[in-house]
Amino acid sequence: MNLVFVPLVVYLLLTLALALWSRRQTRRDAGASAIEEYFIGGRTMGGFVLAMTIIASYTSASSFVGGPGVAYTLGLGWVLLAMIQVPTTFFTLGVLGKRFAMLGRRLHAVTVTDFLYARYRSNAVVLLCSVAVLMFFAASMIAQFIGGARVFQAVTGYPYEVGLGIFGFAVVLYTTVGGFRAVVLTDALQGVVMVVAAVVVLLAVLDAGGGMAGCMQDLRAIDPGLISPSGAEGRIPAPMLFSFWILVGLGILGLPQTVQRCFGYKDSRSMHEAMILGTLIIGFLLLCMHLAGALGRAVLPDLPSGDLIIPTLILRLLPPFWAGVFVAGPVAAIMSTVDTMLLLVSATIIKDLYIRYALKNDVSNVSQKAINRMSLCCTFGVGVIVFLASFNPPQLLVWINLFAFGGLEAVFLCPIVLGLYCKSANACGAVASILTGLAVFLILSAAKISPFGILPIVPALAAAVPAFLVGNRFGRPVPEDVRKVFWEER
């Protein structure tokens, strides 16, 4: 057997073992409902696990494959741009964490859509948000499956289909079997693996390139733009930099995959620990990986595609066995995003659509075992569909994830933030915001229009906010019982 392949198999088996252990723990927990236990783990996350699961669910193929690949092409300017993402954990928990946790327990909310329905009492909001989750998560998950399969192909030499089968089987199985507990525990493991792998890869690049000074000299010789904030050939203009502050800065408050984590932590101390740990770890991780991609141009200047830089660096600079150990870093980043999205898509189908509309929120005639079986089958079914859709893949690009990010933010950002902090926000405003933001984003993305070099998410949000305010003036006042639930202290 290929020596690179052995550590990868061991790593995947370890994730499956964690899933089985999580399954046993779930069965012992009689204090939470089947829905709460399977989808948010009974709200029991501590600080370290909370920090690592937010980081792991946020980072993905774009952080370990696509992002360093763009840094390889454009240089240190992209490293600077990527560091905009450092406050992800701090910002999410600082702005949303405390109120989301309290309201989640008060409302028994499991998904972000649960929260939005309780806030706006609107079926239109639920259906629009559910469709957005299914559409954009599906695109992002397919990209992650393709990325995972290509990493396997690059490091083991086995065909793409073999890598896709192994990767798909592992991630679908452990997410299906273990539910939320398995996802957060494997996210914690994967977060540690990602950090260690990032450090090892960066040190290997610096050693091969003759240190930082040697790498910088080589980059300057290739193209002086590679060491400039504006990037090679000036391809990172100031408007793009501003756009990224919106897309991966302010906009992260509209990402359901990170926002949902605010429902699942144990107490305030856990939240505060996660804010500090998460900020330090994600900053270190992103810096190491993107710097490795940018400096890797000095070591391997002639790669046909930037997306190949991290797997190629690992294979060429490390012995085969250790290459297999540390290639688990990009694999972990991809798996940790897929498992989160897979679970959220399943929650959307079971909780937001089936229970809410088919059962009319009445689960009294349905046993906890039946709900659990439905959740298992739904998660597995969605995983199989995404797996099958990943054959005959298109070119994996970092922009696939950024497109999914932008679409979700255009839909969720205004309803979440304004619904949480604006007492007069109503359903009419939320629907107007969702429809306007999504329409502007899709039209600009499809037409590939970037006014003044600005990404589509900026005009989409610029249109969504006034649409919310205008719609708000024509909607019905917020019901008194909603005001009491959301703003009366208890």
Protein backbone atom coordinates (compact mmCIF):
# COMPACT_ATOMS: atom_id res chain seq x y z
CA MET A 1 0.00 0.00 0.00
CA ASN A 2 1.14 3.55 -0.76
CA LEU A 3 2.85 4.95 2.39
CA VAL A 4 1.03 8.26 1.94
CA PHE A 5 -2.27 6.42 1.99
CA VAL A 6 -1.76 4.67 5.34
CA PRO A 7 -1.99 7.72 7.67
CA LEU A 8 -5.02 8.98 5.75
CA VAL A 9 -6.86 5.70 6.28
CA VAL A 10 -5.96 5.74 9.99
CA TYR A 11 -7.21 9.31 10.27
CA LEU A 12 -10.54 8.48 8.62
CA LEU A 13 -10.98 5.45 10.85
CA LEU A 14 -10.38 7.67 13.88
CA THR A 15 -13.17 10.02 12.78
CA LEU A 16 -15.51 7.05 12.41
CA ALA A 17 -14.56 5.83 15.91
CA LEU A 18 -15.41 9.27 17.30
CA ALA A 19 -18.78 9.10 15.56
CA LEU A 20 -19.58 5.73 17.14
CA TRP A 21 -18.55 7.01 20.57
CA SER A 22 -20.72 10.10 20.05
CA ARG A 23 -23.63 7.87 19.12
CA ARG A 24 -23.36 6.02 22.41
CA GLN A 25 -23.17 9.29 24.34
CA THR A 26 -26.26 10.54 22.54
CA ARG A 27 -28.24 7.47 23.56
CA ARG A 28 -27.26 7.98 27.22
CA ASP A 29 -28.46 11.60 27.21
CA ALA A 30 -32.09 11.57 28.23
CA GLY A 31 -32.27 15.29 28.95
CA ALA A 32 -32.55 16.58 25.40
CA SER A 33 -35.06 15.84 22.66
CA ALA A 34 -33.98 13.76 19.69
CA ILE A 35 -33.99 16.87 17.49
CA GLU A 36 -31.93 19.02 19.88
CA GLU A 37 -29.53 16.18 20.60
CA TYR A 38 -28.92 15.17 16.98
CA PHE A 39 -28.66 18.68 15.51
CA ILE A 40 -27.06 20.77 18.32
CA GLY A 41 -25.75 18.19 20.79
CA GLY A 42 -28.00 19.17 23.69
CA ARG A 43 -26.31 22.63 23.96
CA THR A 44 -23.27 21.29 25.84
CA MET A 45 -20.19 22.64 24.00
CA GLY A 46 -17.30 23.96 26.07
CA GLY A 47 -15.01 26.84 25.06
CA PHE A 48 -12.28 24.91 23.24
CA VAL A 49 -14.72 22.72 21.30
CA LEU A 50 -16.87 25.76 20.42
CA ALA A 51 -13.84 27.66 19.10
CA MET A 52 -12.57 24.72 17.08
CA THR A 53 -15.95 23.83 15.57
CA ILE A 54 -16.54 27.43 14.42
CA ILE A 55 -13.05 27.51 12.90
CA ALA A 56 -13.40 24.08 11.33
CA SER A 57 -16.86 24.75 9.90
CA TYR A 58 -15.72 28.10 8.49
CA THR A 59 -12.44 26.93 6.94
CA SER A 60 -12.75 24.66 3.93
CA ALA A 61 -11.24 23.71 0.60
CA SER A 62 -10.87 27.43 -0.08
CA SER A 63 -8.72 27.86 3.05
CA PHE A 64 -6.38 24.93 2.42
CA VAL A 65 -6.53 24.51 -1.36
CA GLY A 66 -8.16 27.42 -3.19
CA GLY A 67 -6.97 30.29 -0.96
CA PRO A 68 -3.28 29.28 -0.91
CA GLY A 69 -3.68 28.61 -4.65
CA VAL A 70 -4.73 32.21 -5.26
CA ALA A 71 -1.88 33.37 -2.99
CA TYR A 72 0.48 31.32 -5.21
CA THR A 73 -0.83 33.21 -8.24
CA LEU A 74 -1.19 36.73 -6.82
CA GLY A 75 1.39 36.80 -4.04
CA LEU A 76 1.53 38.36 -0.59
CA GLY A 77 -1.32 40.76 -1.35
CA TRP A 78 -3.72 37.83 -1.13
CA VAL A 79 -2.23 36.85 2.25
CA LEU A 80 -3.06 40.34 3.51
CA LEU A 81 -6.57 40.05 2.11
CA ALA A 82 -7.10 36.60 3.67
CA MET A 83 -6.27 37.96 7.13
CA ILE A 84 -9.53 39.92 7.06
CA GLN A 85 -11.06 36.64 8.27
CA VAL A 86 -9.19 36.67 11.60
CA PRO A 87 -12.07 38.13 13.70
CA THR A 88 -14.53 35.46 12.47
CA THR A 89 -15.03 33.72 15.84
CA PHE A 90 -14.74 36.87 17.94
CA PHE A 91 -17.17 38.82 15.78
CA THR A 92 -19.75 36.03 15.47
CA LEU A 93 -19.86 35.25 19.19
CA GLY A 94 -19.44 38.87 20.27
CA VAL A 95 -22.35 40.20 18.21
CA LEU A 96 -24.70 37.20 18.19
CA GLY A 97 -23.49 34.66 20.73
CA LYS A 98 -25.10 35.66 24.02
CA ARG A 99 -28.54 36.64 22.70
CA PHE A 100 -28.66 33.69 20.32
CA ALA A 101 -27.87 31.24 23.12
CA MET A 102 -30.52 32.70 25.44
CA LEU A 103 -33.18 32.92 22.76
CA GLY A 104 -32.30 29.48 21.43
CA ARG A 105 -33.02 27.93 24.82
CA ARG A 106 -36.13 30.05 25.32
CA LEU A 107 -37.52 29.18 21.88
CA HIS A 108 -36.10 25.62 21.70
CA ALA A 109 -34.54 26.77 18.41
CA VAL A 110 -32.27 24.30 16.60
CA THR A 111 -31.67 26.11 13.32
CA VAL A 112 -31.29 29.75 12.30
CA THR A 113 -34.61 29.39 10.46
CA ASP A 114 -36.25 28.39 13.77
CA PHE A 115 -35.09 31.70 15.18
CA LEU A 116 -36.32 33.64 12.14
CA TYR A 117 -39.78 32.03 12.27
CA ALA A 118 -40.15 32.82 15.97
CA ARG A 119 -39.06 36.41 15.29
CA TYR A 120 -41.13 37.15 12.19
CA ARG A 121 -43.95 34.55 12.32
CA SER A 122 -43.76 34.29 8.53
CA ASN A 123 -43.94 31.18 6.38
CA ALA A 124 -42.48 33.18 3.50
CA VAL A 125 -39.33 33.90 5.52
CA VAL A 126 -38.99 30.21 6.44
CA LEU A 127 -39.45 28.96 2.88
CA LEU A 128 -37.13 31.53 1.30
CA CYS A 129 -34.39 30.87 3.84
CA SER A 130 -34.80 27.10 3.56
CA VAL A 131 -34.51 27.23 -0.23
CA ALA A 132 -31.41 29.43 0.08
CA VAL A 133 -29.78 26.96 2.48
CA LEU A 134 -30.50 24.00 0.22
CA MET A 135 -29.31 25.80 -2.92
CA PHE A 136 -26.10 27.42 -1.70
CA PHE A 137 -25.07 24.63 0.65
CA ALA A 138 -25.51 22.09 -2.15
CA ALA A 139 -23.15 24.05 -4.40
CA SER A 140 -20.61 24.47 -1.62
CA MET A 141 -20.76 20.81 -0.55
CA ILE A 142 -20.21 19.61 -4.10
CA ALA A 143 -17.14 21.84 -4.29
CA GLN A 144 -15.87 20.38 -1.00
CA PHE A 145 -16.39 16.79 -2.17
CA ILE A 146 -14.51 17.58 -5.36
CA GLY A 147 -11.72 19.22 -3.36
CA GLY A 148 -11.42 16.25 -1.01
CA ALA A 149 -11.30 13.79 -3.89
CA ARG A 150 -8.65 15.83 -5.72
CA VAL A 151 -6.46 16.00 -2.64
CA PHE A 152 -6.66 12.19 -2.35
CA GLN A 153 -5.85 11.88 -6.04
CA ALA A 154 -2.89 14.25 -5.83
CA VAL A 155 -1.24 12.69 -2.78
CA THR A 156 -1.94 9.00 -3.35
CA GLY A 157 -1.92 8.68 -7.13
CA TYR A 158 -5.20 6.78 -7.08
CA PRO A 159 -7.93 7.79 -9.57
CA TYR A 160 -10.28 10.67 -8.74
CA GLU A 161 -13.23 8.30 -8.37
CA VAL A 162 -11.42 6.24 -5.70
CA GLY A 163 -10.62 9.36 -3.70
CA LEU A 164 -14.20 10.59 -4.03
CA GLY A 165 -15.55 7.24 -2.85
CA ILE A 166 -13.29 7.07 0.22
CA PHE A 167 -13.76 10.70 1.17
CA GLY A 168 -17.51 10.68 0.56
CA PHE A 169 -18.08 7.41 2.42
CA ALA A 170 -16.16 8.60 5.50
CA VAL A 171 -17.70 12.05 5.88
CA VAL A 172 -21.29 10.94 5.15
CA LEU A 173 -21.03 7.97 7.49
CA TYR A 174 -19.61 9.74 10.54
CA THR A 175 -21.99 12.70 10.17
CA THR A 176 -25.01 10.40 9.76
CA VAL A 177 -24.12 8.11 12.63
CA GLY A 178 -22.90 10.64 15.18
CA GLY A 179 -24.95 13.77 14.47
CA PHE A 180 -23.90 17.07 16.03
CA ARG A 181 -21.75 15.54 18.76
CA ALA A 182 -19.68 13.67 16.19
CA VAL A 183 -19.41 16.77 14.02
CA VAL A 184 -18.12 19.03 16.81
CA LEU A 185 -15.75 16.40 18.21
CA THR A 186 -14.29 15.64 14.80
CA ASP A 187 -14.18 19.39 14.13
CA ALA A 188 -12.06 19.80 17.28
CA LEU A 189 -9.75 17.00 16.13
CA GLN A 190 -9.63 18.41 12.60
CA GLY A 191 -8.88 21.90 13.92
CA VAL A 192 -5.83 20.61 15.76
CA VAL A 193 -4.71 18.64 12.69
CA MET A 194 -5.13 21.74 10.49
CA VAL A 195 -3.00 23.92 12.76
CA VAL A 196 -0.18 21.36 13.02
CA ALA A 197 -0.23 20.70 9.27
CA ALA A 198 -0.15 24.43 8.49
CA VAL A 199 2.94 24.97 10.64
CA VAL A 200 4.77 21.96 9.19
CA VAL A 201 4.04 22.94 5.59
CA LEU A 202 5.15 26.56 6.14
CA LEU A 203 8.39 25.50 7.84
CA ALA A 204 9.10 23.05 5.01
CA VAL A 205 8.59 25.83 2.43
CA LEU A 206 10.89 28.22 4.30
CA ASP A 207 13.55 25.54 4.58
CA ALA A 208 13.36 24.66 0.88
CA GLY A 209 13.32 28.32 -0.20
CA GLY A 210 16.33 29.42 1.83
CA GLY A 211 14.37 31.19 4.56
CA MET A 212 12.11 34.21 4.31
CA ALA A 213 14.80 36.37 2.71
CA GLY A 214 15.55 33.79 0.02
CA CYS A 215 11.85 33.29 -0.79
CA MET A 216 11.28 37.04 -1.03
CA GLN A 217 14.20 37.48 -3.40
CA ASP A 218 12.93 34.69 -5.64
CA LEU A 219 9.40 36.14 -5.67
CA ARG A 220 10.75 39.58 -6.58
CA ALA A 221 12.71 38.03 -9.44
CA ILE A 222 9.58 36.27 -10.77
CA ASP A 223 7.32 39.33 -10.48
CA PRO A 224 7.75 42.32 -8.12
CA GLY A 225 3.95 42.42 -7.82
CA LEU A 226 4.08 39.15 -5.86
CA ILE A 227 5.44 41.07 -2.84
CA SER A 228 3.13 44.07 -3.29
CA PRO A 229 -0.22 44.63 -1.52
CA SER A 230 -1.85 45.08 -4.93
CA GLY A 231 -0.75 41.60 -6.06
CA ALA A 232 0.77 40.34 -9.29
CA GLU A 233 -0.08 42.66 -12.19
CA GLY A 234 -2.11 44.82 -9.78
CA ARG A 235 -4.92 42.25 -9.62
CA ILE A 236 -5.97 43.10 -6.04
CA PRO A 237 -7.35 46.64 -6.40
CA ALA A 238 -8.59 48.65 -3.41
CA PRO A 239 -12.30 48.06 -4.25
CA MET A 240 -11.74 44.29 -4.06
CA LEU A 241 -10.07 44.70 -0.67
CA PHE A 242 -13.07 46.69 0.54
CA SER A 243 -15.41 44.01 -0.83
CA PHE A 244 -13.67 41.32 1.17
CA TRP A 245 -14.15 43.32 4.37
CA ILE A 246 -17.85 42.93 3.67
CA LEU A 247 -17.83 39.35 2.36
CA VAL A 248 -15.64 37.70 5.00
CA GLY A 249 -15.84 40.42 7.66
CA LEU A 250 -19.25 41.94 8.35
CA GLY A 251 -21.00 39.34 6.20
CA ILE A 252 -20.09 36.34 8.37
CA LEU A 253 -22.99 37.31 10.64
CA GLY A 254 -25.19 35.98 7.84
CA LEU A 255 -23.59 32.53 7.50
CA PRO A 256 -25.93 29.88 8.99
CA GLN A 257 -23.10 27.34 9.38
CA THR A 258 -21.27 29.57 11.88
CA VAL A 259 -24.25 31.37 13.39
CA GLN A 260 -25.93 28.07 14.32
CA ARG A 261 -22.99 27.25 16.58
CA CYS A 262 -24.20 30.05 18.88
CA PHE A 263 -27.11 27.79 19.89
CA GLY A 264 -24.94 24.93 21.10
CA TYR A 265 -22.51 26.19 23.74
CA LYS A 266 -22.82 25.45 27.45
CA ASP A 267 -22.43 28.78 29.28
CA SER A 268 -21.02 32.33 29.12
CA ARG A 269 -17.58 31.21 30.20
CA SER A 270 -17.44 28.80 27.25
CA MET A 271 -18.39 31.63 24.89
CA HIS A 272 -15.71 34.00 26.22
CA GLU A 273 -13.03 31.29 26.05
CA ALA A 274 -14.03 30.49 22.47
CA MET A 275 -13.85 34.15 21.43
CA ILE A 276 -10.20 34.38 22.51
CA LEU A 277 -9.05 30.92 21.44
CA GLY A 278 -10.88 31.05 18.12
CA THR A 279 -9.43 34.42 17.15
CA LEU A 280 -5.85 33.38 17.93
CA ILE A 281 -6.11 29.98 16.24
CA ILE A 282 -7.86 31.03 13.04
CA GLY A 283 -5.44 33.95 12.59
CA PHE A 284 -2.44 31.66 12.99
CA LEU A 285 -3.93 29.00 10.73
CA LEU A 286 -4.85 31.35 7.88
CA LEU A 287 -1.51 33.15 8.02
CA CYS A 288 0.49 29.92 7.84
CA MET A 289 -1.51 28.39 4.99
CA HIS A 290 -1.73 31.45 2.77
CA LEU A 291 1.89 32.38 3.42
CA ALA A 292 2.89 28.83 2.45
CA GLY A 293 0.95 29.24 -0.79
CA ALA A 294 2.53 32.60 -1.61
CA LEU A 295 6.10 31.56 -0.70
CA GLY A 296 5.58 28.21 -2.43
CA ARG A 297 5.85 30.11 -5.72
CA ALA A 298 9.54 30.58 -4.95
CA VAL A 299 10.02 26.83 -4.44
CA LEU A 300 7.75 25.53 -7.23
CA PRO A 301 7.41 28.38 -9.74
CA ASP A 302 5.93 26.44 -12.68
CA LEU A 303 2.81 24.67 -11.45
CA PRO A 304 -0.01 24.58 -14.03
CA SER A 305 -2.61 25.52 -11.40
CA GLY A 306 -2.35 27.33 -8.08
CA ASP A 307 -4.82 24.84 -6.55
CA LEU A 308 -2.06 22.20 -6.69
CA ILE A 309 0.41 24.10 -4.51
CA ILE A 310 -0.39 22.70 -1.05
CA PRO A 311 -0.72 19.00 -2.02
CA THR A 312 2.40 19.31 -4.22
CA LEU A 313 4.44 21.01 -1.48
CA ILE A 314 3.48 18.27 0.98
CA LEU A 315 4.42 15.50 -1.43
CA ARG A 316 7.72 16.98 -2.60
CA LEU A 317 9.04 18.41 0.67
CA LEU A 318 8.07 15.69 3.16
CA PRO A 319 8.86 11.95 3.33
CA PRO A 320 5.96 9.76 2.09
CA PHE A 321 4.66 8.67 5.49
CA TRP A 322 4.77 12.18 6.96
CA ALA A 323 3.24 13.56 3.80
CA GLY A 324 0.28 11.28 4.48
CA VAL A 325 0.12 12.50 8.08
CA PHE A 326 0.12 16.20 7.22
CA VAL A 327 -2.02 16.04 4.11
CA ALA A 328 -4.72 15.27 6.65
CA GLY A 329 -4.71 19.06 7.21
CA PRO A 330 -6.42 19.99 3.94
CA VAL A 331 -8.56 16.84 4.17
CA ALA A 332 -9.67 17.89 7.67
CA ALA A 333 -10.53 21.40 6.48
CA ILE A 334 -12.72 20.02 3.72
CA MET A 335 -14.40 17.35 5.87
CA SER A 336 -15.18 19.82 8.66
CA THR A 337 -17.07 22.07 6.26
CA VAL A 338 -18.97 19.23 4.59
CA ASP A 339 -20.14 17.70 7.88
CA THR A 340 -21.51 21.03 9.14
CA MET A 341 -23.37 21.79 5.93
CA LEU A 342 -24.65 18.24 5.64
CA LEU A 343 -26.13 18.40 9.12
CA LEU A 344 -27.67 21.83 8.51
CA VAL A 345 -29.28 20.75 5.24
CA SER A 346 -30.74 17.75 7.04
CA ALA A 347 -32.00 20.02 9.85
CA THR A 348 -33.60 22.31 7.28
CA ILE A 349 -35.46 19.43 5.66
CA ILE A 350 -36.54 17.68 8.89
CA LYS A 351 -37.08 20.57 11.32
CA ASP A 352 -37.84 23.60 9.15
CA LEU A 353 -39.91 21.90 6.46
CA TYR A 354 -41.20 18.44 7.47
CA ILE A 355 -42.00 19.03 11.15
CA ARG A 356 -43.16 22.61 10.66
CA TYR A 357 -45.41 22.02 7.64
CA ALA A 358 -46.14 18.31 7.30
CA LEU A 359 -46.60 17.70 11.04
CA LYS A 360 -47.77 21.27 11.88
CA ASN A 361 -45.16 21.34 14.69
CA ASP A 362 -47.02 18.53 16.45
CA VAL A 363 -44.61 15.71 17.21
CA SER A 364 -46.74 14.22 19.99
CA ASN A 365 -47.74 11.30 17.76
CA VAL A 366 -44.20 10.67 16.55
CA SER A 367 -41.73 8.82 18.75
CA GLN A 368 -38.26 10.14 19.47
CA LYS A 369 -36.87 7.02 17.77
CA ALA A 370 -38.86 7.75 14.62
CA ILE A 371 -37.58 11.34 14.49
CA ASN A 372 -34.07 10.09 15.04
CA ARG A 373 -34.42 7.57 12.21
CA MET A 374 -35.78 10.27 9.90
CA SER A 375 -32.81 12.52 10.74
CA LEU A 376 -30.36 9.69 10.05
CA CYS A 377 -31.98 8.79 6.74
CA CYS A 378 -32.20 12.40 5.61
CA THR A 379 -28.54 13.11 6.41
CA PHE A 380 -27.45 9.96 4.62
CA GLY A 381 -29.70 10.65 1.62
CA VAL A 382 -28.44 14.21 1.16
CA GLY A 383 -24.87 12.99 1.46
CA VAL A 384 -25.40 10.35 -1.23
CA ILE A 385 -26.98 12.92 -3.59
CA VAL A 386 -24.05 15.32 -3.15
CA PHE A 387 -21.61 12.44 -3.61
CA LEU A 388 -23.22 11.42 -6.91
CA ALA A 389 -23.29 15.04 -8.11
CA SER A 390 -19.52 15.27 -7.58
CA PHE A 391 -18.64 12.95 -10.48
CA ASN A 392 -17.45 14.63 -13.69
CA PRO A 393 -16.33 17.68 -11.68
CA PRO A 394 -15.77 21.21 -12.94
CA GLN A 395 -12.55 23.05 -12.09
CA LEU A 396 -12.34 23.70 -8.35
CA LEU A 397 -11.91 27.38 -7.67
CA VAL A 398 -11.93 29.45 -4.48
CA TRP A 399 -14.73 31.50 -6.05
CA ILE A 400 -17.23 28.65 -5.67
CA ASN A 401 -17.14 29.02 -1.89
CA LEU A 402 -17.15 32.80 -2.09
CA PHE A 403 -20.24 32.64 -4.32
CA ALA A 404 -22.01 30.42 -1.76
CA PHE A 405 -20.92 32.75 1.07
CA GLY A 406 -22.26 35.78 -0.78
CA GLY A 407 -25.61 34.18 -1.56
CA LEU A 408 -26.18 33.12 2.04
CA GLU A 409 -25.20 36.54 3.36
CA ALA A 410 -27.53 38.31 0.92
CA VAL A 411 -30.40 36.22 2.30
CA PHE A 412 -29.65 35.95 6.02
CA LEU A 413 -27.64 38.98 7.16
CA CYS A 414 -30.39 41.62 7.42
CA PRO A 415 -33.11 39.34 8.87
CA ILE A 416 -30.73 37.97 11.52
CA VAL A 417 -29.00 41.16 12.69
CA LEU A 418 -31.95 43.54 12.38
CA GLY A 419 -34.31 40.93 13.79
CA LEU A 420 -32.07 40.52 16.80
CA TYR A 421 -31.47 44.19 17.56
CA CYS A 422 -34.31 46.19 15.92
CA LYS A 423 -37.54 45.87 17.92
CA SER A 424 -39.71 47.18 15.08
CA ALA A 425 -38.38 44.78 12.40
CA ASN A 426 -41.24 42.83 10.82
CA ALA A 427 -41.85 40.08 8.28
CA CYS A 428 -42.54 42.41 5.38
CA GLY A 429 -39.14 44.03 5.82
CA ALA A 430 -37.42 40.64 6.10
CA VAL A 431 -39.03 39.29 2.92
CA ALA A 432 -38.24 42.49 0.99
CA SER A 433 -34.63 42.29 2.14
CA ILE A 434 -34.26 38.62 1.17
CA LEU A 435 -35.80 39.00 -2.28
CA THR A 436 -33.95 42.22 -3.12
CA GLY A 437 -30.55 41.12 -1.84
CA LEU A 438 -30.74 37.71 -3.47
CA ALA A 439 -31.95 39.10 -6.82
CA VAL A 440 -29.17 41.71 -6.99
CA PHE A 441 -26.54 39.16 -5.99
CA LEU A 442 -27.63 36.51 -8.52
CA ILE A 443 -28.01 38.99 -11.40
CA LEU A 444 -24.58 40.54 -10.85
CA SER A 445 -22.95 37.12 -10.33
CA ALA A 446 -24.56 35.59 -13.42
CA ALA A 447 -23.68 38.60 -15.59
CA LYS A 448 -20.19 38.78 -14.04
CA ILE A 449 -20.69 42.47 -13.32
CA SER A 450 -18.31 44.01 -10.78
CA PRO A 451 -18.91 47.76 -10.67
CA PHE A 452 -15.56 49.50 -10.01
CA GLY A 453 -14.10 46.09 -9.16
CA ILE A 454 -16.49 45.58 -6.22
CA LEU A 455 -17.76 42.05 -5.56
CA PRO A 456 -21.54 41.45 -6.01
CA ILE A 457 -22.16 41.04 -2.26
CA VAL A 458 -21.56 44.77 -1.64
CA PRO A 459 -24.32 46.11 -3.96
CA ALA A 460 -26.53 43.21 -2.86
CA LEU A 461 -26.34 44.24 0.79
CA ALA A 462 -26.50 47.92 -0.17
CA ALA A 463 -29.86 47.15 -1.80
CA ALA A 464 -31.07 44.72 0.91
CA VAL A 465 -30.77 47.16 3.82
CA PRO A 466 -32.99 49.94 2.38
CA ALA A 467 -35.39 47.28 1.06
CA PHE A 468 -35.72 46.01 4.64
CA LEU A 469 -36.39 49.53 5.94
CA VAL A 470 -38.95 50.31 3.22
CA GLY A 471 -40.72 46.96 3.61
CA ASN A 472 -40.76 47.47 7.35
CA ARG A 473 -42.90 50.58 6.98
CA PHE A 474 -45.63 48.66 5.17
CA GLY A 475 -45.69 45.54 7.31
CA ARG A 476 -47.76 44.71 10.34
CA PRO A 477 -46.46 45.73 13.78
CA VAL A 478 -44.52 43.13 15.73
CA PRO A 479 -46.94 41.02 17.83
CA GLU A 480 -46.84 41.71 21.55
CA ASP A 481 -45.99 38.10 22.43
CA VAL A 482 -42.94 38.27 20.15
CA ARG A 483 -41.81 41.46 21.89
CA LYS A 484 -42.14 39.76 25.26
CA VAL A 485 -40.16 36.68 24.22
CA PHE A 486 -37.35 38.63 22.55
CA TRP A 487 -36.94 41.67 24.81
CA GLU A 488 -38.41 41.02 28.23
CA GLU A 489 -35.75 40.01 30.73
CA ARG A 490 -36.41 36.77 32.57
